[in-house]
Amino acid sequence: MNLTILLTISNTFGAVACFTGIIGLLARKGSGIHRVVGRIFFISLLGVVGAEIWVNLHANEFTMFLVALLSGYFGISGYRCLYLNRSMGRYFVFASRPGVLDKGLAQLNIIICLALSFWAGINLQDIEGFLKNVSKAFEITTLLTLSLLGLVISYNDIRRFRAANIVERDWLRRHSIRMIISFVGVGILVLENNFVGVPEIVRWLLPVALGIPLMVFWCCRITRWMKNDSRITEFVNLTDKFK
């Protein structure tokens, strides 16, 4: 397929993903708006990732290729958190055990993150050049952070999948963290494609600066909410909305 067409597809899905992602991040979790825009975001994410993988393979853009793969993993695994909530099976119509898809994605992501860490390590060998080029330094640091985070999450996923019994009381936090990381990845891909004239550090910093505060905010809020016994009924009602 023509690369121009693929870029158009990627940019179209990317614009939709960014728009719906922002709404989903700001909307109340479990609300009708959040569920609708969440599904649209997930479908758009798959479109962006698919197009970007093909484009970057042909363009030999190793960095963006791995960013696309990471975004895809976090998005798919984050969406699957809604259906792997086995401890709430009586409330979840689509609750299920981890399957080949979940285990395969976790194992594949470990390989991707190791490759990304290896690439970052090679670039860090030139310390002098690393310190002089602020944009490149931030890019490598961001990718290294994402790869290490991906390694930890994928390793924990594999351990959980092998467990005889999984008590997924933490499913909402897992879902939120992964979807936000995938949103950051999509933001980087969109900015890299469409804002070449903007300094590279800005193209990388903007999605990260938006994603990290939102991740911290929602993690803290969900943690406080889960510790509050008076909100248990609302927690059950929230899971019931996904029927």
Protein backbone atom coordinates (compact mmCIF):
# COMPACT_ATOMS: atom_id res chain seq x y z
CA MET A 1 0.00 0.00 0.00
CA ASN A 2 1.16 3.56 -0.76
CA LEU A 3 2.91 5.15 2.23
CA THR A 4 1.02 8.41 1.70
CA ILE A 5 -2.27 6.56 2.09
CA LEU A 6 -0.98 4.81 5.20
CA LEU A 7 0.11 8.11 6.71
CA THR A 8 -3.32 9.58 5.97
CA ILE A 9 -4.95 6.59 7.68
CA SER A 10 -2.59 6.93 10.63
CA ASN A 11 -3.19 10.67 10.97
CA THR A 12 -6.97 10.26 10.74
CA PHE A 13 -7.10 7.55 13.38
CA GLY A 14 -4.52 9.48 15.41
CA ALA A 15 -6.63 12.64 15.49
CA VAL A 16 -9.68 10.64 16.60
CA ALA A 17 -7.62 8.77 19.22
CA CYS A 18 -6.19 11.99 20.67
CA PHE A 19 -9.61 13.67 20.82
CA THR A 20 -11.43 10.71 22.37
CA GLY A 21 -8.46 9.95 24.62
CA ILE A 22 -8.56 13.40 26.19
CA ILE A 23 -12.32 13.15 26.75
CA GLY A 24 -11.95 9.66 28.21
CA LEU A 25 -9.21 10.79 30.59
CA LEU A 26 -11.27 13.70 31.86
CA ALA A 27 -14.62 11.90 32.02
CA ARG A 28 -15.81 10.06 35.11
CA LYS A 29 -14.70 6.42 35.01
CA GLY A 30 -17.59 4.09 34.24
CA SER A 31 -19.84 6.84 32.89
CA GLY A 32 -21.62 6.48 29.57
CA ILE A 33 -19.36 9.07 27.95
CA HIS A 34 -16.23 7.30 29.17
CA ARG A 35 -17.37 3.94 27.83
CA VAL A 36 -18.33 5.28 24.40
CA VAL A 37 -15.19 7.36 23.82
CA GLY A 38 -13.11 4.54 25.31
CA ARG A 39 -14.29 2.12 22.65
CA ILE A 40 -13.71 4.69 19.90
CA PHE A 41 -10.24 5.40 21.29
CA PHE A 42 -9.38 1.70 21.33
CA ILE A 43 -10.48 1.15 17.73
CA SER A 44 -8.60 4.29 16.63
CA LEU A 45 -5.53 3.13 18.54
CA LEU A 46 -5.50 -0.14 16.61
CA GLY A 47 -5.72 1.83 13.36
CA VAL A 48 -2.81 4.08 14.31
CA VAL A 49 -0.63 1.20 15.51
CA GLY A 50 -1.30 -0.93 12.42
CA ALA A 51 -0.54 1.91 10.01
CA GLU A 52 2.52 3.11 11.94
CA ILE A 53 4.05 -0.36 12.13
CA TRP A 54 3.86 -0.70 8.35
CA VAL A 55 5.05 2.87 7.65
CA ASN A 56 8.01 2.70 10.01
CA LEU A 57 9.08 -0.70 8.75
CA HIS A 58 9.34 0.71 5.23
CA ALA A 59 10.97 3.93 6.42
CA ASN A 60 13.44 2.07 8.68
CA GLU A 61 12.32 4.17 11.65
CA PHE A 62 13.22 1.77 14.43
CA THR A 63 12.31 4.14 17.26
CA MET A 64 8.79 4.96 16.07
CA PHE A 65 8.24 1.31 15.16
CA LEU A 66 8.87 0.29 18.78
CA VAL A 67 6.77 3.17 20.12
CA ALA A 68 3.88 1.92 17.98
CA LEU A 69 4.31 -1.63 19.28
CA LEU A 70 4.46 -0.44 22.89
CA SER A 71 1.36 1.71 22.44
CA GLY A 72 -0.46 -1.24 20.94
CA TYR A 73 0.50 -3.54 23.80
CA PHE A 74 -0.55 -1.14 26.53
CA GLY A 75 -3.80 -0.34 24.74
CA ILE A 76 -4.78 -3.97 24.13
CA SER A 77 -3.74 -5.19 27.58
CA GLY A 78 -5.46 -2.19 29.18
CA TYR A 79 -8.68 -2.96 27.35
CA ARG A 80 -8.39 -6.63 28.28
CA CYS A 81 -8.24 -5.65 31.97
CA LEU A 82 -11.98 -5.05 31.69
CA TYR A 83 -12.53 -8.70 30.78
CA LEU A 84 -9.94 -10.45 32.93
CA ASN A 85 -11.61 -9.33 36.14
CA ARG A 86 -12.31 -12.86 37.30
CA SER A 87 -12.90 -11.94 40.95
CA MET A 88 -15.96 -9.95 39.81
CA GLY A 89 -17.18 -12.66 37.46
CA ARG A 90 -20.77 -12.59 38.77
CA TYR A 91 -21.00 -8.96 37.69
CA PHE A 92 -18.96 -9.19 34.49
CA VAL A 93 -20.71 -10.83 31.56
CA PHE A 94 -17.45 -10.95 29.54
CA ALA A 95 -15.11 -11.93 32.39
CA SER A 96 -12.67 -14.60 31.23
CA ARG A 97 -9.43 -16.35 32.00
CA PRO A 98 -6.18 -15.13 30.41
CA GLY A 99 -5.77 -16.79 27.03
CA VAL A 100 -3.15 -17.22 24.33
CA LEU A 101 -3.61 -13.58 23.24
CA ASP A 102 -2.87 -12.19 26.71
CA LYS A 103 0.12 -14.44 27.38
CA GLY A 104 1.53 -14.01 23.89
CA LEU A 105 1.27 -10.22 24.02
CA ALA A 106 3.00 -10.09 27.41
CA GLN A 107 5.87 -12.29 26.16
CA LEU A 108 6.17 -10.31 22.92
CA ASN A 109 6.26 -7.04 24.84
CA ILE A 110 9.13 -8.29 26.98
CA ILE A 111 11.12 -8.92 23.79
CA ILE A 112 10.19 -5.46 22.46
CA CYS A 113 11.17 -3.75 25.72
CA LEU A 114 14.48 -5.62 25.86
CA ALA A 115 15.23 -4.53 22.28
CA LEU A 116 14.33 -0.95 23.14
CA SER A 117 16.49 -1.02 26.27
CA PHE A 118 19.39 -2.42 24.23
CA TRP A 119 18.95 0.35 21.65
CA ALA A 120 18.86 3.01 24.38
CA GLY A 121 21.98 1.51 25.96
CA ILE A 122 23.87 1.74 22.66
CA ASN A 123 22.92 5.41 22.32
CA LEU A 124 23.94 6.13 25.91
CA GLN A 125 27.49 5.02 25.13
CA ASP A 126 28.09 8.41 23.52
CA ILE A 127 27.78 10.32 26.80
CA GLU A 128 29.20 13.55 25.40
CA GLY A 129 26.78 13.63 22.50
CA PHE A 130 23.95 12.56 24.80
CA LEU A 131 24.53 15.52 27.13
CA LYS A 132 24.89 18.04 24.30
CA ASN A 133 21.71 17.06 22.44
CA VAL A 134 18.88 17.80 24.89
CA SER A 135 16.14 16.62 22.52
CA LYS A 136 17.85 13.30 21.84
CA ALA A 137 18.60 12.85 25.53
CA PHE A 138 14.94 13.36 26.44
CA GLU A 139 13.82 10.99 23.67
CA ILE A 140 16.16 8.22 24.82
CA THR A 141 15.26 8.76 28.48
CA THR A 142 11.54 8.58 27.68
CA LEU A 143 11.93 5.42 25.62
CA LEU A 144 14.10 3.80 28.28
CA THR A 145 11.51 4.64 30.95
CA LEU A 146 8.69 3.23 28.82
CA SER A 147 10.66 0.06 28.11
CA LEU A 148 11.49 -0.52 31.78
CA LEU A 149 7.87 0.15 32.73
CA GLY A 150 6.76 -2.26 30.02
CA LEU A 151 9.13 -4.94 31.31
CA VAL A 152 7.79 -4.66 34.85
CA ILE A 153 4.15 -4.70 33.75
CA SER A 154 4.61 -7.60 31.31
CA TYR A 155 6.54 -9.66 33.85
CA ASN A 156 3.84 -9.10 36.47
CA ASP A 157 1.19 -10.01 33.89
CA ILE A 158 2.88 -13.33 33.14
CA ARG A 159 3.12 -14.10 36.86
CA ARG A 160 -0.55 -13.27 37.37
CA PHE A 161 -1.60 -15.34 34.36
CA ARG A 162 0.17 -18.38 35.80
CA ALA A 163 -1.49 -18.02 39.20
CA ALA A 164 -4.21 -20.51 40.06
CA ASN A 165 -6.48 -17.80 41.42
CA ILE A 166 -6.35 -14.13 40.49
CA VAL A 167 -8.09 -11.61 42.72
CA GLU A 168 -8.44 -8.63 40.43
CA ARG A 169 -9.46 -5.95 42.90
CA ASP A 170 -6.89 -3.73 41.21
CA TRP A 171 -8.32 -4.07 37.71
CA LEU A 172 -9.45 -0.43 37.40
CA ARG A 173 -6.03 0.97 38.24
CA ARG A 174 -4.36 -1.47 35.85
CA HIS A 175 -6.77 -0.45 33.12
CA SER A 176 -6.26 3.29 33.70
CA ILE A 177 -2.45 3.16 33.78
CA ARG A 178 -2.18 1.15 30.58
CA MET A 179 -4.67 3.20 28.61
CA ILE A 180 -2.93 6.43 29.63
CA ILE A 181 0.46 5.06 28.55
CA SER A 182 -1.02 4.02 25.20
CA PHE A 183 -2.47 7.53 24.87
CA VAL A 184 1.00 9.03 25.46
CA GLY A 185 2.43 6.75 22.77
CA VAL A 186 -0.25 7.75 20.25
CA GLY A 187 0.40 11.40 21.05
CA ILE A 188 4.10 10.97 20.29
CA LEU A 189 3.34 9.20 16.99
CA VAL A 190 0.88 11.90 15.89
CA LEU A 191 3.21 14.77 16.76
CA GLU A 192 6.18 13.10 15.07
CA ASN A 193 4.18 12.72 11.84
CA ASN A 194 2.49 16.11 11.66
CA PHE A 195 4.64 18.65 13.50
CA VAL A 196 8.11 18.14 12.07
CA GLY A 197 8.81 21.89 12.34
CA VAL A 198 8.25 21.80 16.10
CA PRO A 199 11.39 21.10 18.19
CA GLU A 200 11.80 17.39 18.83
CA ILE A 201 11.85 17.80 22.60
CA VAL A 202 8.42 19.48 22.45
CA ARG A 203 6.99 16.65 20.35
CA TRP A 204 8.07 14.18 23.02
CA LEU A 205 7.53 16.32 26.09
CA LEU A 206 3.94 17.39 25.39
CA PRO A 207 2.30 13.91 25.53
CA VAL A 208 4.43 12.92 28.52
CA ALA A 209 3.66 16.16 30.37
CA LEU A 210 -0.05 15.59 29.79
CA GLY A 211 -0.08 11.86 30.53
CA ILE A 212 1.97 11.61 33.73
CA PRO A 213 -0.09 14.08 35.85
CA LEU A 214 -3.32 12.41 34.71
CA MET A 215 -1.89 8.98 35.52
CA VAL A 216 -0.86 10.09 39.02
CA PHE A 217 -4.21 11.83 39.58
CA TRP A 218 -6.33 8.82 38.63
CA CYS A 219 -4.12 6.30 40.44
CA CYS A 220 -4.32 8.31 43.66
CA ARG A 221 -8.04 8.83 43.27
CA ILE A 222 -8.74 5.15 42.56
CA THR A 223 -6.52 4.11 45.49
CA ARG A 224 -8.39 6.38 47.92
CA TRP A 225 -11.69 5.25 46.49
CA MET A 226 -10.86 1.54 46.86
CA LYS A 227 -9.76 2.03 50.47
CA ASN A 228 -13.04 3.69 51.40
CA ASP A 229 -15.37 0.92 52.55
CA SER A 230 -18.39 3.17 52.11
CA ARG A 231 -17.77 3.14 48.34
CA ILE A 232 -17.80 -0.64 47.87
CA THR A 233 -21.39 -0.59 46.67
CA GLU A 234 -20.50 2.01 44.05
CA PHE A 235 -17.55 -0.14 42.99
CA VAL A 236 -19.86 -3.08 42.35
CA ASN A 237 -22.29 -0.83 40.50
CA LEU A 238 -19.44 0.44 38.32
CA THR A 239 -18.47 -3.07 37.27
CA ASP A 240 -22.12 -3.81 36.55
CA LYS A 241 -22.15 -1.02 33.96
CA PHE A 242 -19.84 -3.02 31.70
CA LYS A 243 -22.47 -5.74 31.15
